[in-house]
């Protein structure tokens, strides 16, 4: 599941998806769920050239979960990997994925795998995600990513944010669930308490975040 890449195990978006599905299949309470990978979205998007003449096409949901026996996805899971410099709150790759999350119908889970992150990169990523959601909650900003002439109101939904930190000295996950209402932003939702000491990242419990540490490293 996690092949060697040089001297380290490769853990990216695909590996995170495999691990997620493996955990789902091992859970006896998951029998009521069905799932599918690379599910086409309902709407069409123009990701390559925002606001320009790029041809609109349907996006893909990394993993869609269905409550049996319904045919419509109940949860859309997007798996992402990589960190951020923390120097800029503008990241087009994050904005285009946030546009899909806000415009589509299902509740969403943003599952981020981050390796070798520090306080600045973790905080920077959260600021970027916060800025993207705040900006694209405006339907006139959101339509820049949709098919020409299409305007969609962002949908109220549950958005779970899960960040898996894979550092040599820190293995932990942080999780928080946002009850997203476009007209009522939840202030400081993406605020998390972190400290860095001697190149080690410390993530504090609290502010609504649940922190899970690898017990083998405790």
C-alpha atoms as a PDB file:
ATOM      1  CA  UNK A   1       0.000   0.000   0.000  1.00  0.00           C
ATOM      2  CA  UNK A   2       2.899   2.370   0.781  1.00  0.00           C
ATOM      3  CA  UNK A   3       5.764   1.547  -1.615  1.00  0.00           C
ATOM      4  CA  UNK A   4       9.310   2.687  -1.052  1.00  0.00           C
ATOM      5  CA  UNK A   5      10.367   5.882  -2.800  1.00  0.00           C
ATOM      6  CA  UNK A   6      14.069   6.144  -2.195  1.00  0.00           C
ATOM      7  CA  UNK A   7      14.575   5.613   1.526  1.00  0.00           C
ATOM      8  CA  UNK A   8      11.051   6.617   2.532  1.00  0.00           C
ATOM      9  CA  UNK A   9       7.579   5.210   2.089  1.00  0.00           C
ATOM     10  CA  UNK A  10       5.507   6.966  -0.534  1.00  0.00           C
ATOM     11  CA  UNK A  11       2.268   8.274   0.947  1.00  0.00           C
ATOM     12  CA  UNK A  12       0.365  10.491  -1.450  1.00  0.00           C
ATOM     13  CA  UNK A  13      -3.217  10.991  -2.579  1.00  0.00           C
ATOM     14  CA  UNK A  14      -3.635   7.490  -4.008  1.00  0.00           C
ATOM     15  CA  UNK A  15      -2.116   5.782  -0.991  1.00  0.00           C
ATOM     16  CA  UNK A  16      -4.327   7.849   1.330  1.00  0.00           C
ATOM     17  CA  UNK A  17      -7.379   6.754  -0.645  1.00  0.00           C
ATOM     18  CA  UNK A  18      -6.361   3.080  -0.453  1.00  0.00           C
ATOM     19  CA  UNK A  19      -5.838   3.354   3.304  1.00  0.00           C
ATOM     20  CA  UNK A  20      -9.188   5.123   3.723  1.00  0.00           C
ATOM     21  CA  UNK A  21     -11.054   2.424   1.800  1.00  0.00           C
ATOM     22  CA  UNK A  22      -9.174  -0.299   3.695  1.00  0.00           C
ATOM     23  CA  UNK A  23     -10.289   1.195   7.007  1.00  0.00           C
ATOM     24  CA  UNK A  24     -13.841   1.528   5.710  1.00  0.00           C
ATOM     25  CA  UNK A  25     -14.015  -2.110   4.642  1.00  0.00           C
ATOM     26  CA  UNK A  26     -12.645  -3.235   8.010  1.00  0.00           C
ATOM     27  CA  UNK A  27     -15.349  -1.356   9.940  1.00  0.00           C
ATOM     28  CA  UNK A  28     -18.387  -3.585  10.632  1.00  0.00           C
ATOM     29  CA  UNK A  29     -20.578  -0.485  10.934  1.00  0.00           C
ATOM     30  CA  UNK A  30     -19.763   0.459   7.338  1.00  0.00           C
ATOM     31  CA  UNK A  31     -21.989  -2.188   5.758  1.00  0.00           C
ATOM     32  CA  UNK A  32     -24.654   0.426   5.022  1.00  0.00           C
ATOM     33  CA  UNK A  33     -22.168   2.341   2.851  1.00  0.00           C
ATOM     34  CA  UNK A  34     -21.185   1.774  -0.748  1.00  0.00           C
ATOM     35  CA  UNK A  35     -18.426   3.659  -2.539  1.00  0.00           C
ATOM     36  CA  UNK A  36     -17.020   4.458  -5.957  1.00  0.00           C
ATOM     37  CA  UNK A  37     -13.810   6.123  -7.146  1.00  0.00           C
ATOM     38  CA  UNK A  38     -13.374   8.894  -9.739  1.00  0.00           C
ATOM     39  CA  UNK A  39     -17.072   9.777  -9.848  1.00  0.00           C
ATOM     40  CA  UNK A  40     -18.039  12.516 -12.344  1.00  0.00           C
ATOM     41  CA  UNK A  41     -19.495  15.668 -10.809  1.00  0.00           C
ATOM     42  CA  UNK A  42     -22.993  16.920 -11.600  1.00  0.00           C
ATOM     43  CA  UNK A  43     -21.732  20.302 -12.796  1.00  0.00           C
ATOM     44  CA  UNK A  44     -19.136  21.237 -15.397  1.00  0.00           C
ATOM     45  CA  UNK A  45     -16.087  23.331 -14.502  1.00  0.00           C
ATOM     46  CA  UNK A  46     -13.405  25.293 -16.326  1.00  0.00           C
ATOM     47  CA  UNK A  47     -10.306  24.705 -14.232  1.00  0.00           C
ATOM     48  CA  UNK A  48      -7.519  25.201 -16.772  1.00  0.00           C
ATOM     49  CA  UNK A  49      -8.209  28.862 -17.514  1.00  0.00           C
ATOM     50  CA  UNK A  50     -10.434  30.414 -14.863  1.00  0.00           C
ATOM     51  CA  UNK A  51     -12.746  33.033 -16.299  1.00  0.00           C
ATOM     52  CA  UNK A  52     -11.401  32.507 -19.804  1.00  0.00           C
ATOM     53  CA  UNK A  53     -12.410  30.532 -22.872  1.00  0.00           C
ATOM     54  CA  UNK A  54     -11.353  27.107 -21.594  1.00  0.00           C
ATOM     55  CA  UNK A  55     -13.856  24.369 -22.377  1.00  0.00           C
ATOM     56  CA  UNK A  56     -15.958  23.398 -19.368  1.00  0.00           C
ATOM     57  CA  UNK A  57     -16.025  19.741 -18.412  1.00  0.00           C
ATOM     58  CA  UNK A  58     -17.167  17.611 -15.532  1.00  0.00           C
ATOM     59  CA  UNK A  59     -14.780  17.204 -12.650  1.00  0.00           C
ATOM     60  CA  UNK A  60     -14.048  13.997 -10.764  1.00  0.00           C
ATOM     61  CA  UNK A  61     -14.660  13.196  -7.114  1.00  0.00           C
ATOM     62  CA  UNK A  62     -11.788  11.117  -5.729  1.00  0.00           C
ATOM     63  CA  UNK A  63     -14.102   8.920  -3.667  1.00  0.00           C
ATOM     64  CA  UNK A  64     -17.893   9.095  -3.329  1.00  0.00           C
ATOM     65  CA  UNK A  65     -19.734   7.352  -0.499  1.00  0.00           C
ATOM     66  CA  UNK A  66     -23.371   6.300  -0.843  1.00  0.00           C
ATOM     67  CA  UNK A  67     -25.897   5.355   1.815  1.00  0.00           C
ATOM     68  CA  UNK A  68     -27.588   2.181   0.645  1.00  0.00           C
ATOM     69  CA  UNK A  69     -29.871   1.950  -1.274  1.00  0.00           C
ATOM     70  CA  UNK A  70     -29.732   5.552  -2.546  1.00  0.00           C
ATOM     71  CA  UNK A  71     -28.012   6.274  -5.860  1.00  0.00           C
ATOM     72  CA  UNK A  72     -26.840   9.801  -5.084  1.00  0.00           C
ATOM     73  CA  UNK A  73     -23.534  10.359  -3.240  1.00  0.00           C
ATOM     74  CA  UNK A  74     -23.925  11.334   0.400  1.00  0.00           C
ATOM     75  CA  UNK A  75     -20.260  12.239   0.936  1.00  0.00           C
ATOM     76  CA  UNK A  76     -17.579  13.424  -1.488  1.00  0.00           C
ATOM     77  CA  UNK A  77     -13.996  12.810  -0.359  1.00  0.00           C
ATOM     78  CA  UNK A  78     -11.104  14.765  -1.863  1.00  0.00           C
ATOM     79  CA  UNK A  79      -7.608  13.486  -1.116  1.00  0.00           C
ATOM     80  CA  UNK A  80      -4.747  15.984  -1.320  1.00  0.00           C
ATOM     81  CA  UNK A  81      -1.052  15.835  -0.581  1.00  0.00           C
ATOM     82  CA  UNK A  82       1.702  18.353  -0.048  1.00  0.00           C
ATOM     83  CA  UNK A  83       2.210  21.387   2.125  1.00  0.00           C
ATOM     84  CA  UNK A  84       2.475  25.123   1.629  1.00  0.00           C
ATOM     85  CA  UNK A  85       5.087  27.765   2.197  1.00  0.00           C
ATOM     86  CA  UNK A  86       2.762  29.759   4.413  1.00  0.00           C
ATOM     87  CA  UNK A  87       3.756  32.922   2.540  1.00  0.00           C
ATOM     88  CA  UNK A  88       0.681  33.312   0.356  1.00  0.00           C
ATOM     89  CA  UNK A  89      -3.034  32.792   0.834  1.00  0.00           C
ATOM     90  CA  UNK A  90      -3.620  32.429  -2.910  1.00  0.00           C
ATOM     91  CA  UNK A  91      -3.390  28.899  -4.251  1.00  0.00           C
ATOM     92  CA  UNK A  92      -5.307  28.245  -7.459  1.00  0.00           C
ATOM     93  CA  UNK A  93      -5.111  24.458  -7.083  1.00  0.00           C
ATOM     94  CA  UNK A  94      -6.889  24.713  -3.735  1.00  0.00           C
ATOM     95  CA  UNK A  95      -9.440  27.221  -5.022  1.00  0.00           C
ATOM     96  CA  UNK A  96     -10.538  25.015  -7.906  1.00  0.00           C
ATOM     97  CA  UNK A  97     -11.090  22.077  -5.559  1.00  0.00           C
ATOM     98  CA  UNK A  98     -12.933  24.255  -3.059  1.00  0.00           C
ATOM     99  CA  UNK A  99     -15.174  25.475  -5.908  1.00  0.00           C
ATOM    100  CA  UNK A 100     -16.166  21.879  -6.587  1.00  0.00           C
ATOM    101  CA  UNK A 101     -16.809  21.193  -2.891  1.00  0.00           C
ATOM    102  CA  UNK A 102     -19.062  24.240  -2.496  1.00  0.00           C
ATOM    103  CA  UNK A 103     -21.010  23.895  -5.760  1.00  0.00           C
ATOM    104  CA  UNK A 104     -21.769  20.168  -5.643  1.00  0.00           C
ATOM    105  CA  UNK A 105     -24.568  18.656  -3.557  1.00  0.00           C
ATOM    106  CA  UNK A 106     -22.952  16.110  -1.178  1.00  0.00           C
ATOM    107  CA  UNK A 107     -21.358  16.801   2.169  1.00  0.00           C
ATOM    108  CA  UNK A 108     -17.577  16.763   1.862  1.00  0.00           C
ATOM    109  CA  UNK A 109     -14.409  15.499   3.498  1.00  0.00           C
ATOM    110  CA  UNK A 110     -11.122  17.246   2.695  1.00  0.00           C
ATOM    111  CA  UNK A 111      -8.374  14.716   3.494  1.00  0.00           C
ATOM    112  CA  UNK A 112      -4.910  16.271   3.362  1.00  0.00           C
ATOM    113  CA  UNK A 113      -1.652  14.324   3.656  1.00  0.00           C
ATOM    114  CA  UNK A 114       1.243  16.555   4.695  1.00  0.00           C
ATOM    115  CA  UNK A 115       4.862  15.444   5.041  1.00  0.00           C
ATOM    116  CA  UNK A 116       7.678  17.311   6.750  1.00  0.00           C
ATOM    117  CA  UNK A 117       5.470  20.233   7.727  1.00  0.00           C
ATOM    118  CA  UNK A 118       6.286  22.859  10.326  1.00  0.00           C
ATOM    119  CA  UNK A 119       4.231  25.474  12.115  1.00  0.00           C
ATOM    120  CA  UNK A 120       4.383  27.904   9.175  1.00  0.00           C
ATOM    121  CA  UNK A 121       3.329  25.386   6.511  1.00  0.00           C
ATOM    122  CA  UNK A 122       0.443  23.965   8.549  1.00  0.00           C
ATOM    123  CA  UNK A 123      -0.871  27.394   9.507  1.00  0.00           C
ATOM    124  CA  UNK A 124      -0.330  28.603   5.933  1.00  0.00           C
ATOM    125  CA  UNK A 125      -2.360  25.759   4.489  1.00  0.00           C
ATOM    126  CA  UNK A 126      -5.246  26.425   6.878  1.00  0.00           C
ATOM    127  CA  UNK A 127      -5.214  30.144   6.037  1.00  0.00           C
ATOM    128  CA  UNK A 128      -5.287  29.297   2.334  1.00  0.00           C
ATOM    129  CA  UNK A 129      -8.208  26.918   2.742  1.00  0.00           C
ATOM    130  CA  UNK A 130     -10.045  29.490   4.862  1.00  0.00           C
ATOM    131  CA  UNK A 131      -9.455  32.233   2.279  1.00  0.00           C
ATOM    132  CA  UNK A 132     -10.644  30.008  -0.591  1.00  0.00           C
ATOM    133  CA  UNK A 133     -13.877  29.044   1.179  1.00  0.00           C
ATOM    134  CA  UNK A 134     -14.566  32.642   2.192  1.00  0.00           C
ATOM    135  CA  UNK A 135     -13.973  33.953  -1.341  1.00  0.00           C
ATOM    136  CA  UNK A 136     -15.953  31.280  -3.167  1.00  0.00           C
ATOM    137  CA  UNK A 137     -18.924  31.563  -0.815  1.00  0.00           C
ATOM    138  CA  UNK A 138     -19.767  34.516  -3.062  1.00  0.00           C
ATOM    139  CA  UNK A 139     -21.697  32.984  -6.017  1.00  0.00           C
ATOM    140  CA  UNK A 140     -20.270  35.608  -8.392  1.00  0.00           C
ATOM    141  CA  UNK A 141     -16.722  34.518  -7.475  1.00  0.00           C
ATOM    142  CA  UNK A 142     -17.708  30.861  -7.635  1.00  0.00           C
ATOM    143  CA  UNK A 143     -19.082  31.188 -11.175  1.00  0.00           C
ATOM    144  CA  UNK A 144     -15.584  31.951 -12.482  1.00  0.00           C
ATOM    145  CA  UNK A 145     -14.934  28.208 -12.121  1.00  0.00           C
ATOM    146  CA  UNK A 146     -18.217  27.021 -13.633  1.00  0.00           C
ATOM    147  CA  UNK A 147     -19.351  26.598 -17.215  1.00  0.00           C
ATOM    148  CA  UNK A 148     -19.848  29.983 -18.932  1.00  0.00           C
ATOM    149  CA  UNK A 149     -23.148  31.609 -18.048  1.00  0.00           C
ATOM    150  CA  UNK A 150     -23.684  29.316 -15.059  1.00  0.00           C
ATOM    151  CA  UNK A 151     -24.157  30.768 -11.575  1.00  0.00           C
ATOM    152  CA  UNK A 152     -24.698  28.464  -8.592  1.00  0.00           C
ATOM    153  CA  UNK A 153     -25.393  29.383  -4.997  1.00  0.00           C
ATOM    154  CA  UNK A 154     -22.928  27.626  -2.670  1.00  0.00           C
ATOM    155  CA  UNK A 155     -24.781  24.884  -0.815  1.00  0.00           C
ATOM    156  CA  UNK A 156     -25.095  24.644   2.964  1.00  0.00           C
ATOM    157  CA  UNK A 157     -23.472  21.382   4.028  1.00  0.00           C
ATOM    158  CA  UNK A 158     -21.131  19.615   6.404  1.00  0.00           C
ATOM    159  CA  UNK A 159     -17.448  19.913   5.491  1.00  0.00           C
ATOM    160  CA  UNK A 160     -14.986  17.817   7.471  1.00  0.00           C
ATOM    161  CA  UNK A 161     -11.296  18.764   7.371  1.00  0.00           C
ATOM    162  CA  UNK A 162      -8.771  16.038   8.179  1.00  0.00           C
ATOM    163  CA  UNK A 163      -5.020  16.632   8.006  1.00  0.00           C
ATOM    164  CA  UNK A 164      -2.645  13.701   8.379  1.00  0.00           C
ATOM    165  CA  UNK A 165       0.818  14.939   9.408  1.00  0.00           C
ATOM    166  CA  UNK A 166       3.652  12.559   8.526  1.00  0.00           C
ATOM    167  CA  UNK A 167       6.864  14.022   9.917  1.00  0.00           C
ATOM    168  CA  UNK A 168       9.897  11.965  10.948  1.00  0.00           C
ATOM    169  CA  UNK A 169       9.321  12.981  14.574  1.00  0.00           C
ATOM    170  CA  UNK A 170       5.553  13.627  14.536  1.00  0.00           C
ATOM    171  CA  UNK A 171       2.795  11.376  13.250  1.00  0.00           C
ATOM    172  CA  UNK A 172      -0.609  12.827  13.999  1.00  0.00           C
ATOM    173  CA  UNK A 173      -3.976  13.669  12.505  1.00  0.00           C
ATOM    174  CA  UNK A 174      -6.138  16.702  13.195  1.00  0.00           C
ATOM    175  CA  UNK A 175      -9.848  16.722  12.482  1.00  0.00           C
ATOM    176  CA  UNK A 176     -12.648  19.261  12.632  1.00  0.00           C
ATOM    177  CA  UNK A 177     -16.161  19.422  11.193  1.00  0.00           C
ATOM    178  CA  UNK A 178     -17.597  22.638   9.767  1.00  0.00           C
ATOM    179  CA  UNK A 179     -21.357  23.166   9.563  1.00  0.00           C
ATOM    180  CA  UNK A 180     -20.995  25.319   6.477  1.00  0.00           C
ATOM    181  CA  UNK A 181     -23.601  28.003   5.823  1.00  0.00           C
ATOM    182  CA  UNK A 182     -22.546  30.369   3.007  1.00  0.00           C
ATOM    183  CA  UNK A 183     -24.102  33.478   4.541  1.00  0.00           C
ATOM    184  CA  UNK A 184     -22.874  32.735   8.071  1.00  0.00           C
ATOM    185  CA  UNK A 185     -19.107  32.146   8.146  1.00  0.00           C
ATOM    186  CA  UNK A 186     -17.783  30.490  11.288  1.00  0.00           C
ATOM    187  CA  UNK A 187     -15.129  32.843  12.553  1.00  0.00           C
ATOM    188  CA  UNK A 188     -11.747  31.380  13.497  1.00  0.00           C
ATOM    189  CA  UNK A 189     -12.787  27.886  12.395  1.00  0.00           C
ATOM    190  CA  UNK A 190      -9.368  27.285  10.817  1.00  0.00           C
ATOM    191  CA  UNK A 191      -7.409  28.593  13.803  1.00  0.00           C
ATOM    192  CA  UNK A 192      -5.252  25.920  15.400  1.00  0.00           C
ATOM    193  CA  UNK A 193      -2.635  26.161  18.146  1.00  0.00           C
ATOM    194  CA  UNK A 194       0.795  24.938  17.144  1.00  0.00           C
ATOM    195  CA  UNK A 195       4.356  25.450  18.335  1.00  0.00           C
ATOM    196  CA  UNK A 196       7.719  24.554  16.880  1.00  0.00           C
ATOM    197  CA  UNK A 197      10.661  23.730  19.092  1.00  0.00           C
ATOM    198  CA  UNK A 198      13.975  22.383  17.805  1.00  0.00           C
ATOM    199  CA  UNK A 199      12.357  21.577  14.433  1.00  0.00           C
ATOM    200  CA  UNK A 200       9.627  19.539  16.152  1.00  0.00           C
ATOM    201  CA  UNK A 201       5.974  20.391  15.557  1.00  0.00           C
ATOM    202  CA  UNK A 202       3.574  20.388  18.502  1.00  0.00           C
ATOM    203  CA  UNK A 203      -0.173  20.457  17.831  1.00  0.00           C
ATOM    204  CA  UNK A 204      -2.406  21.369  20.748  1.00  0.00           C
ATOM    205  CA  UNK A 205      -5.872  20.052  21.489  1.00  0.00           C
ATOM    206  CA  UNK A 206      -8.642  22.594  21.630  1.00  0.00           C
ATOM    207  CA  UNK A 207     -10.327  25.308  19.543  1.00  0.00           C
ATOM    208  CA  UNK A 208     -12.640  22.614  18.189  1.00  0.00           C
ATOM    209  CA  UNK A 209      -9.860  20.484  16.672  1.00  0.00           C
ATOM    210  CA  UNK A 210      -9.489  16.831  17.615  1.00  0.00           C
ATOM    211  CA  UNK A 211      -5.887  15.655  17.584  1.00  0.00           C
ATOM    212  CA  UNK A 212      -4.925  12.007  17.206  1.00  0.00           C
ATOM    213  CA  UNK A 213      -1.336  10.970  17.879  1.00  0.00           C
ATOM    214  CA  UNK A 214       0.363   7.777  16.820  1.00  0.00           C
ATOM    215  CA  UNK A 215       0.400   5.765  20.120  1.00  0.00           C
ATOM    216  CA  UNK A 216       3.626   4.002  19.106  1.00  0.00           C
ATOM    217  CA  UNK A 217       5.420   7.360  19.244  1.00  0.00           C
ATOM    218  CA  UNK A 218       3.938   8.490  22.535  1.00  0.00           C
END
